[in-house]
């Protein structure tokens, strides 16, 4: 209950950074996390963990030898995460999602098998959306995946131009209902995708 109140308070202070008035439902959490190959994933990054509703479930599902890097720019949230979880596999990093590589390097790592995001991309300027997606793409291993949820489909075209493949799903049992995306990487197409992403960013920023 206390964490829920803190989540609401954080939303009221900065709605654009938090994205939702209430934490994600267990239905949304399950729908997002079913997209991860838990047997294979050894390095998992969570962008925007908030108060840890996804963090808790990731830790409960991931391999005993896996590592979770939780990156959040809110110092209150990172402090709560550090107090709430004693699991040695969890590394909480106070940083921007644009600096995901630095977050990995804090734990002595260079790349990730999977990135899970709860960030409110719809509230960000186009340049920041692009920077976060590109930073995530750059640290994903071959055949890695980027899994996220959004309340609108605004990000879908940019996901398609950044990643090799994008699958979409929808979870109505959440407030608000959410779109779920699973994006995968094909190393042979990465260079072409980067050029397409730059073109998409240029188009999004052009006057209408």
C-alpha atoms as a PDB file:
ATOM      1  CA  UNK A   1       0.000   0.000   0.000  1.00  0.00           C
ATOM      2  CA  UNK A   2       2.800   2.409   0.909  1.00  0.00           C
ATOM      3  CA  UNK A   3       4.535   1.823  -2.429  1.00  0.00           C
ATOM      4  CA  UNK A   4       1.266   2.435  -4.300  1.00  0.00           C
ATOM      5  CA  UNK A   5       0.838   5.759  -2.509  1.00  0.00           C
ATOM      6  CA  UNK A   6       4.422   6.705  -3.368  1.00  0.00           C
ATOM      7  CA  UNK A   7       3.751   5.794  -7.003  1.00  0.00           C
ATOM      8  CA  UNK A   8       0.675   8.063  -7.075  1.00  0.00           C
ATOM      9  CA  UNK A   9       2.620  10.876  -5.411  1.00  0.00           C
ATOM     10  CA  UNK A  10       5.392  10.528  -7.992  1.00  0.00           C
ATOM     11  CA  UNK A  11       2.824  10.660 -10.787  1.00  0.00           C
ATOM     12  CA  UNK A  12       1.235  13.805  -9.390  1.00  0.00           C
ATOM     13  CA  UNK A  13       4.641  15.473  -9.118  1.00  0.00           C
ATOM     14  CA  UNK A  14       5.709  14.539 -12.641  1.00  0.00           C
ATOM     15  CA  UNK A  15       3.026  12.802 -14.760  1.00  0.00           C
ATOM     16  CA  UNK A  16       5.087  12.809 -17.969  1.00  0.00           C
ATOM     17  CA  UNK A  17       7.940  10.889 -16.330  1.00  0.00           C
ATOM     18  CA  UNK A  18       5.801   8.297 -14.528  1.00  0.00           C
ATOM     19  CA  UNK A  19       3.289   7.721 -17.328  1.00  0.00           C
ATOM     20  CA  UNK A  20       0.452   6.192 -15.283  1.00  0.00           C
ATOM     21  CA  UNK A  21      -1.430   6.948 -12.085  1.00  0.00           C
ATOM     22  CA  UNK A  22      -1.263   3.333 -10.875  1.00  0.00           C
ATOM     23  CA  UNK A  23       1.306   0.511 -11.142  1.00  0.00           C
ATOM     24  CA  UNK A  24       0.935  -2.152 -13.844  1.00  0.00           C
ATOM     25  CA  UNK A  25      -1.531  -5.005 -13.247  1.00  0.00           C
ATOM     26  CA  UNK A  26      -0.400  -8.612 -12.844  1.00  0.00           C
ATOM     27  CA  UNK A  27      -2.090  -9.337 -16.183  1.00  0.00           C
ATOM     28  CA  UNK A  28       0.067  -6.804 -18.000  1.00  0.00           C
ATOM     29  CA  UNK A  29       3.188  -8.001 -16.202  1.00  0.00           C
ATOM     30  CA  UNK A  30       2.489 -11.589 -17.260  1.00  0.00           C
ATOM     31  CA  UNK A  31       1.782 -10.600 -20.862  1.00  0.00           C
ATOM     32  CA  UNK A  32       5.034  -8.642 -21.127  1.00  0.00           C
ATOM     33  CA  UNK A  33       7.259 -11.198 -19.409  1.00  0.00           C
ATOM     34  CA  UNK A  34       5.951 -14.195 -21.357  1.00  0.00           C
ATOM     35  CA  UNK A  35       7.958 -12.786 -24.282  1.00  0.00           C
ATOM     36  CA  UNK A  36      11.297 -13.564 -22.603  1.00  0.00           C
ATOM     37  CA  UNK A  37      13.249 -16.799 -23.052  1.00  0.00           C
ATOM     38  CA  UNK A  38      14.079 -17.320 -19.377  1.00  0.00           C
ATOM     39  CA  UNK A  39      16.230 -20.381 -20.028  1.00  0.00           C
ATOM     40  CA  UNK A  40      18.553 -18.407 -22.294  1.00  0.00           C
ATOM     41  CA  UNK A  41      18.560 -14.880 -20.861  1.00  0.00           C
ATOM     42  CA  UNK A  42      21.509 -14.267 -18.547  1.00  0.00           C
ATOM     43  CA  UNK A  43      21.749 -10.470 -18.688  1.00  0.00           C
ATOM     44  CA  UNK A  44      18.455  -8.586 -18.423  1.00  0.00           C
ATOM     45  CA  UNK A  45      18.048  -4.809 -18.316  1.00  0.00           C
ATOM     46  CA  UNK A  46      14.937  -3.096 -16.974  1.00  0.00           C
ATOM     47  CA  UNK A  47      14.395   0.518 -18.034  1.00  0.00           C
ATOM     48  CA  UNK A  48      12.121   2.540 -15.763  1.00  0.00           C
ATOM     49  CA  UNK A  49      11.510  -0.049 -13.022  1.00  0.00           C
ATOM     50  CA  UNK A  50       9.620   2.437 -10.853  1.00  0.00           C
ATOM     51  CA  UNK A  51       8.753   0.771  -7.552  1.00  0.00           C
ATOM     52  CA  UNK A  52       9.584  -2.715  -8.761  1.00  0.00           C
ATOM     53  CA  UNK A  53       6.338  -4.457  -9.743  1.00  0.00           C
ATOM     54  CA  UNK A  54       8.081  -5.838 -12.858  1.00  0.00           C
ATOM     55  CA  UNK A  55      11.396  -6.176 -11.024  1.00  0.00           C
ATOM     56  CA  UNK A  56       9.927  -8.585  -8.501  1.00  0.00           C
ATOM     57  CA  UNK A  57       8.477 -10.829 -11.193  1.00  0.00           C
ATOM     58  CA  UNK A  58      11.628 -10.733 -13.326  1.00  0.00           C
ATOM     59  CA  UNK A  59      13.712 -11.855 -10.356  1.00  0.00           C
ATOM     60  CA  UNK A  60      11.274 -14.675  -9.599  1.00  0.00           C
ATOM     61  CA  UNK A  61      11.438 -15.998 -13.180  1.00  0.00           C
ATOM     62  CA  UNK A  62      15.019 -15.494 -14.266  1.00  0.00           C
ATOM     63  CA  UNK A  63      17.803 -18.075 -14.108  1.00  0.00           C
ATOM     64  CA  UNK A  64      19.808 -18.356 -10.849  1.00  0.00           C
ATOM     65  CA  UNK A  65      22.927 -17.323 -12.772  1.00  0.00           C
ATOM     66  CA  UNK A  66      21.257 -14.365 -14.506  1.00  0.00           C
ATOM     67  CA  UNK A  67      21.788 -10.676 -13.697  1.00  0.00           C
ATOM     68  CA  UNK A  68      19.188  -7.885 -13.699  1.00  0.00           C
ATOM     69  CA  UNK A  69      20.255  -4.273 -14.239  1.00  0.00           C
ATOM     70  CA  UNK A  70      17.436  -1.899 -13.214  1.00  0.00           C
ATOM     71  CA  UNK A  71      17.970   1.642 -14.515  1.00  0.00           C
ATOM     72  CA  UNK A  72      15.834   4.569 -13.328  1.00  0.00           C
ATOM     73  CA  UNK A  73      16.427   8.324 -13.285  1.00  0.00           C
ATOM     74  CA  UNK A  74      14.218   8.864 -10.215  1.00  0.00           C
ATOM     75  CA  UNK A  75      16.388   8.804  -7.047  1.00  0.00           C
ATOM     76  CA  UNK A  76      13.360   8.123  -4.824  1.00  0.00           C
ATOM     77  CA  UNK A  77      12.454   5.029  -6.845  1.00  0.00           C
ATOM     78  CA  UNK A  78      16.011   3.698  -6.930  1.00  0.00           C
ATOM     79  CA  UNK A  79      16.308   4.146  -3.162  1.00  0.00           C
ATOM     80  CA  UNK A  80      13.074   2.175  -2.645  1.00  0.00           C
ATOM     81  CA  UNK A  81      14.280  -0.586  -4.977  1.00  0.00           C
ATOM     82  CA  UNK A  82      17.532  -0.937  -3.060  1.00  0.00           C
ATOM     83  CA  UNK A  83      15.650  -1.191   0.233  1.00  0.00           C
ATOM     84  CA  UNK A  84      13.000  -3.564  -1.100  1.00  0.00           C
ATOM     85  CA  UNK A  85      15.168  -6.201  -2.783  1.00  0.00           C
ATOM     86  CA  UNK A  86      18.138  -8.025  -1.283  1.00  0.00           C
ATOM     87  CA  UNK A  87      18.637 -10.351  -4.256  1.00  0.00           C
ATOM     88  CA  UNK A  88      22.356 -10.218  -5.199  1.00  0.00           C
ATOM     89  CA  UNK A  89      21.445 -10.706  -8.863  1.00  0.00           C
ATOM     90  CA  UNK A  90      19.866  -7.225  -8.910  1.00  0.00           C
ATOM     91  CA  UNK A  91      21.941  -4.115  -9.661  1.00  0.00           C
ATOM     92  CA  UNK A  92      20.023  -0.829  -9.278  1.00  0.00           C
ATOM     93  CA  UNK A  93      21.473   2.068 -11.270  1.00  0.00           C
ATOM     94  CA  UNK A  94      20.461   5.722 -10.939  1.00  0.00           C
ATOM     95  CA  UNK A  95      20.846   6.928 -14.506  1.00  0.00           C
ATOM     96  CA  UNK A  96      19.082   7.880 -17.714  1.00  0.00           C
ATOM     97  CA  UNK A  97      17.825   5.188 -20.092  1.00  0.00           C
ATOM     98  CA  UNK A  98      19.917   6.871 -22.781  1.00  0.00           C
ATOM     99  CA  UNK A  99      22.985   5.678 -20.841  1.00  0.00           C
ATOM    100  CA  UNK A 100      22.085   1.987 -20.812  1.00  0.00           C
ATOM    101  CA  UNK A 101      25.629   0.995 -21.772  1.00  0.00           C
ATOM    102  CA  UNK A 102      26.999   2.808 -18.723  1.00  0.00           C
ATOM    103  CA  UNK A 103      24.451   0.981 -16.564  1.00  0.00           C
ATOM    104  CA  UNK A 104      25.716  -2.349 -17.846  1.00  0.00           C
ATOM    105  CA  UNK A 105      29.332  -1.360 -17.351  1.00  0.00           C
ATOM    106  CA  UNK A 106      28.583  -0.501 -13.698  1.00  0.00           C
ATOM    107  CA  UNK A 107      28.001  -4.238 -13.244  1.00  0.00           C
ATOM    108  CA  UNK A 108      31.026  -5.201 -15.328  1.00  0.00           C
ATOM    109  CA  UNK A 109      28.902  -6.132 -18.354  1.00  0.00           C
ATOM    110  CA  UNK A 110      28.965  -5.066 -21.996  1.00  0.00           C
ATOM    111  CA  UNK A 111      25.749  -6.385 -23.558  1.00  0.00           C
ATOM    112  CA  UNK A 112      22.269  -7.674 -22.751  1.00  0.00           C
ATOM    113  CA  UNK A 113      20.149 -10.628 -23.814  1.00  0.00           C
ATOM    114  CA  UNK A 114      16.901  -8.798 -23.140  1.00  0.00           C
ATOM    115  CA  UNK A 115      15.710  -5.298 -22.274  1.00  0.00           C
ATOM    116  CA  UNK A 116      12.344  -4.758 -20.572  1.00  0.00           C
ATOM    117  CA  UNK A 117      10.954  -1.228 -20.652  1.00  0.00           C
ATOM    118  CA  UNK A 118       8.182   0.505 -18.756  1.00  0.00           C
ATOM    119  CA  UNK A 119       9.165   3.966 -19.990  1.00  0.00           C
ATOM    120  CA  UNK A 120       6.407   6.391 -21.148  1.00  0.00           C
ATOM    121  CA  UNK A 121       7.823   7.007 -24.632  1.00  0.00           C
ATOM    122  CA  UNK A 122       4.704   8.896 -25.728  1.00  0.00           C
ATOM    123  CA  UNK A 123       5.584  11.672 -23.267  1.00  0.00           C
ATOM    124  CA  UNK A 124       9.115  12.134 -24.639  1.00  0.00           C
ATOM    125  CA  UNK A 125      10.444  14.364 -27.436  1.00  0.00           C
ATOM    126  CA  UNK A 126      11.133  12.390 -30.652  1.00  0.00           C
ATOM    127  CA  UNK A 127      14.902  12.842 -30.279  1.00  0.00           C
ATOM    128  CA  UNK A 128      14.898  11.224 -26.813  1.00  0.00           C
ATOM    129  CA  UNK A 129      12.771   8.305 -28.017  1.00  0.00           C
ATOM    130  CA  UNK A 130      15.266   7.695 -30.789  1.00  0.00           C
ATOM    131  CA  UNK A 131      18.247   8.006 -28.455  1.00  0.00           C
ATOM    132  CA  UNK A 132      16.871   5.455 -25.977  1.00  0.00           C
ATOM    133  CA  UNK A 133      15.918   2.952 -28.673  1.00  0.00           C
ATOM    134  CA  UNK A 134      19.272   3.308 -30.398  1.00  0.00           C
ATOM    135  CA  UNK A 135      21.165   2.955 -27.105  1.00  0.00           C
ATOM    136  CA  UNK A 136      19.153  -0.192 -26.372  1.00  0.00           C
ATOM    137  CA  UNK A 137      19.763  -1.634 -29.827  1.00  0.00           C
ATOM    138  CA  UNK A 138      23.494  -0.993 -29.498  1.00  0.00           C
ATOM    139  CA  UNK A 139      23.828  -3.113 -26.330  1.00  0.00           C
ATOM    140  CA  UNK A 140      21.608  -6.029 -27.349  1.00  0.00           C
ATOM    141  CA  UNK A 141      23.370  -9.240 -28.275  1.00  0.00           C
ATOM    142  CA  UNK A 142      22.607 -10.955 -31.602  1.00  0.00           C
ATOM    143  CA  UNK A 143      19.098 -12.406 -31.392  1.00  0.00           C
ATOM    144  CA  UNK A 144      18.430 -10.237 -28.336  1.00  0.00           C
ATOM    145  CA  UNK A 145      15.000  -8.765 -27.620  1.00  0.00           C
ATOM    146  CA  UNK A 146      13.518  -5.469 -26.472  1.00  0.00           C
ATOM    147  CA  UNK A 147      10.153  -5.935 -24.715  1.00  0.00           C
ATOM    148  CA  UNK A 148       7.934  -3.035 -23.703  1.00  0.00           C
ATOM    149  CA  UNK A 149       4.396  -1.831 -23.116  1.00  0.00           C
ATOM    150  CA  UNK A 150       2.780   1.442 -24.138  1.00  0.00           C
ATOM    151  CA  UNK A 151      -0.684   2.916 -23.697  1.00  0.00           C
ATOM    152  CA  UNK A 152      -0.705   4.219 -27.273  1.00  0.00           C
ATOM    153  CA  UNK A 153       0.666   2.882 -30.578  1.00  0.00           C
ATOM    154  CA  UNK A 154       2.578   6.085 -31.244  1.00  0.00           C
ATOM    155  CA  UNK A 155       5.957   4.346 -30.955  1.00  0.00           C
ATOM    156  CA  UNK A 156       5.124   1.459 -33.303  1.00  0.00           C
ATOM    157  CA  UNK A 157       6.513   2.988 -36.552  1.00  0.00           C
ATOM    158  CA  UNK A 158       9.796   3.907 -34.873  1.00  0.00           C
ATOM    159  CA  UNK A 159      10.112   0.427 -33.389  1.00  0.00           C
ATOM    160  CA  UNK A 160       9.651  -1.031 -36.860  1.00  0.00           C
ATOM    161  CA  UNK A 161      12.429   1.105 -38.311  1.00  0.00           C
ATOM    162  CA  UNK A 162      14.789   0.432 -35.405  1.00  0.00           C
ATOM    163  CA  UNK A 163      14.430  -3.315 -34.948  1.00  0.00           C
ATOM    164  CA  UNK A 164      14.398  -6.212 -37.385  1.00  0.00           C
ATOM    165  CA  UNK A 165      11.057  -7.586 -36.244  1.00  0.00           C
ATOM    166  CA  UNK A 166       8.240  -6.233 -34.060  1.00  0.00           C
ATOM    167  CA  UNK A 167       5.362  -8.337 -32.690  1.00  0.00           C
ATOM    168  CA  UNK A 168       2.440  -6.625 -30.985  1.00  0.00           C
ATOM    169  CA  UNK A 169      -0.129  -7.746 -28.431  1.00  0.00           C
ATOM    170  CA  UNK A 170      -2.762  -6.050 -26.282  1.00  0.00           C
ATOM    171  CA  UNK A 171      -3.733  -6.353 -22.632  1.00  0.00           C
ATOM    172  CA  UNK A 172      -7.149  -5.005 -21.733  1.00  0.00           C
ATOM    173  CA  UNK A 173      -6.952  -6.072 -18.054  1.00  0.00           C
ATOM    174  CA  UNK A 174      -4.883  -3.070 -17.057  1.00  0.00           C
ATOM    175  CA  UNK A 175      -5.611   0.559 -16.260  1.00  0.00           C
ATOM    176  CA  UNK A 176      -5.278   1.902 -18.808  1.00  0.00           C
ATOM    177  CA  UNK A 177      -5.248  -1.018 -21.305  1.00  0.00           C
ATOM    178  CA  UNK A 178      -1.813  -1.394 -22.870  1.00  0.00           C
ATOM    179  CA  UNK A 179      -0.098  -2.425 -26.085  1.00  0.00           C
ATOM    180  CA  UNK A 180       2.761  -4.902 -25.655  1.00  0.00           C
ATOM    181  CA  UNK A 181       5.625  -5.067 -28.170  1.00  0.00           C
ATOM    182  CA  UNK A 182       8.423  -7.589 -28.597  1.00  0.00           C
ATOM    183  CA  UNK A 183      11.247  -6.328 -30.795  1.00  0.00           C
ATOM    184  CA  UNK A 184      14.081  -8.551 -31.981  1.00  0.00           C
ATOM    185  CA  UNK A 185      17.492  -7.973 -33.531  1.00  0.00           C
ATOM    186  CA  UNK A 186      18.972  -9.394 -36.709  1.00  0.00           C
ATOM    187  CA  UNK A 187      22.660  -8.371 -36.843  1.00  0.00           C
ATOM    188  CA  UNK A 188      22.731  -8.585 -40.651  1.00  0.00           C
ATOM    189  CA  UNK A 189      20.083  -5.877 -40.895  1.00  0.00           C
ATOM    190  CA  UNK A 190      21.295  -3.571 -38.116  1.00  0.00           C
ATOM    191  CA  UNK A 191      23.094  -1.053 -40.343  1.00  0.00           C
ATOM    192  CA  UNK A 192      20.094  -0.647 -42.630  1.00  0.00           C
ATOM    193  CA  UNK A 193      17.774  -0.244 -39.659  1.00  0.00           C
ATOM    194  CA  UNK A 194      19.957   2.511 -38.218  1.00  0.00           C
ATOM    195  CA  UNK A 195      19.655   4.465 -41.483  1.00  0.00           C
ATOM    196  CA  UNK A 196      15.872   3.987 -41.490  1.00  0.00           C
ATOM    197  CA  UNK A 197      15.649   5.123 -37.868  1.00  0.00           C
ATOM    198  CA  UNK A 198      17.567   8.325 -38.660  1.00  0.00           C
ATOM    199  CA  UNK A 199      15.203   9.017 -41.560  1.00  0.00           C
ATOM    200  CA  UNK A 200      12.179   8.422 -39.310  1.00  0.00           C
ATOM    201  CA  UNK A 201      13.555  10.804 -36.680  1.00  0.00           C
ATOM    202  CA  UNK A 202      14.168  13.473 -39.344  1.00  0.00           C
ATOM    203  CA  UNK A 203      10.616  13.074 -40.638  1.00  0.00           C
ATOM    204  CA  UNK A 204       9.096  13.209 -37.129  1.00  0.00           C
ATOM    205  CA  UNK A 205      10.939  16.420 -36.363  1.00  0.00           C
ATOM    206  CA  UNK A 206      10.122  18.123 -39.663  1.00  0.00           C
ATOM    207  CA  UNK A 207       7.443  20.859 -39.699  1.00  0.00           C
ATOM    208  CA  UNK A 208       4.034  19.622 -40.877  1.00  0.00           C
END
